[in-house]
């Protein structure tokens, strides 16, 4: 399982995801509506908090599901241990 979470950030004004930024991402500008984010990627991430949180929740659930599946596989021949689904 990958440890990287990818989230597409969207402009809160026009809803597009096409941005340009400087090298250290301290300044971001939407290429569609030309909205400038002087707080950089951090400001844009604040506007996209719900999307980021949703991806983190999905990743966490996938991690738990993967762990449960591996645990069940390891103990599948154990007569003293049964797993409920």
Protein backbone atom coordinates (compact mmCIF):
# COMPACT_ATOMS: atom_id res chain seq x y z
CA UNK A 1 0.00 0.00 0.00
CA UNK A 2 1.30 3.42 -0.97
CA UNK A 3 2.05 5.89 1.80
CA UNK A 4 1.36 8.87 -0.46
CA UNK A 5 -2.01 10.59 -0.57
CA UNK A 6 -2.79 12.62 -3.69
CA UNK A 7 -5.47 15.30 -3.50
CA UNK A 8 -6.48 17.59 -6.34
CA UNK A 9 -6.85 21.14 -5.07
CA UNK A 10 -9.58 23.30 -6.60
CA UNK A 11 -9.97 27.06 -6.80
CA UNK A 12 -12.72 28.19 -4.39
CA UNK A 13 -13.87 30.83 -6.91
CA UNK A 14 -14.14 28.95 -10.22
CA UNK A 15 -13.69 25.30 -9.20
CA UNK A 16 -10.83 24.64 -11.61
CA UNK A 17 -7.59 22.88 -10.70
CA UNK A 18 -5.17 24.62 -13.08
CA UNK A 19 -2.65 26.68 -11.07
CA UNK A 20 0.75 28.23 -11.47
CA UNK A 21 3.09 28.82 -8.56
CA UNK A 22 6.59 29.93 -7.69
CA UNK A 23 9.33 27.42 -6.82
CA UNK A 24 8.67 27.29 -3.07
CA UNK A 25 4.86 27.43 -3.57
CA UNK A 26 4.51 30.55 -1.41
CA UNK A 27 2.47 32.16 -4.20
CA UNK A 28 -0.23 30.37 -6.22
CA UNK A 29 -2.43 31.77 -8.99
CA UNK A 30 -5.45 30.16 -10.66
CA UNK A 31 -4.94 30.12 -14.43
CA UNK A 32 -8.70 30.21 -15.07
CA UNK A 33 -10.04 33.10 -12.95
CA UNK A 34 -6.62 34.58 -12.05
CA UNK A 35 -7.37 34.48 -8.30
CA UNK A 36 -4.11 34.94 -6.42
CA UNK A 37 -3.30 33.08 -3.21
CA UNK A 38 -0.61 35.13 -1.51
CA UNK A 39 -0.55 32.57 1.31
CA UNK A 40 0.57 30.03 -1.27
CA UNK A 41 -0.22 26.36 -1.17
CA UNK A 42 -1.15 26.58 2.53
CA UNK A 43 -3.94 29.07 1.79
CA UNK A 44 -5.21 26.93 -1.09
CA UNK A 45 -5.13 23.85 1.14
CA UNK A 46 -7.28 25.66 3.72
CA UNK A 47 -9.97 26.22 1.08
CA UNK A 48 -9.75 22.51 0.15
CA UNK A 49 -9.80 21.21 3.72
CA UNK A 50 -12.88 19.02 3.18
CA UNK A 51 -11.36 17.27 0.15
CA UNK A 52 -8.09 16.68 2.00
CA UNK A 53 -9.89 15.32 5.06
CA UNK A 54 -11.98 13.01 2.87
CA UNK A 55 -8.87 11.53 1.22
CA UNK A 56 -7.19 11.04 4.61
CA UNK A 57 -10.30 9.21 5.89
CA UNK A 58 -10.38 6.96 2.80
CA UNK A 59 -6.67 6.20 3.20
CA UNK A 60 -7.12 5.38 6.88
CA UNK A 61 -10.02 3.03 6.15
CA UNK A 62 -8.06 1.32 3.37
CA UNK A 63 -5.15 0.88 5.78
CA UNK A 64 -7.43 -0.71 8.39
CA UNK A 65 -9.03 -3.00 5.80
CA UNK A 66 -5.61 -4.08 4.54
CA UNK A 67 -4.42 -4.77 8.09
CA UNK A 68 -7.53 -6.84 8.89
CA UNK A 69 -7.15 -8.85 5.69
CA UNK A 70 -3.48 -9.58 6.43
CA UNK A 71 -4.25 -10.54 10.02
CA UNK A 72 -7.01 -12.91 8.93
CA UNK A 73 -4.73 -14.45 6.30
CA UNK A 74 -1.98 -15.05 8.87
CA UNK A 75 -4.31 -16.86 11.27
CA UNK A 76 -6.68 -18.58 8.83
CA UNK A 77 -5.53 -22.10 9.82
CA UNK A 78 -5.66 -21.40 13.55
CA UNK A 79 -8.49 -23.42 15.15
CA UNK A 80 -8.55 -21.23 18.28
CA UNK A 81 -9.03 -17.92 16.49
CA UNK A 82 -11.99 -16.95 14.32
CA UNK A 83 -12.67 -13.58 12.69
CA UNK A 84 -16.07 -11.97 12.29
CA UNK A 85 -16.73 -10.12 9.06
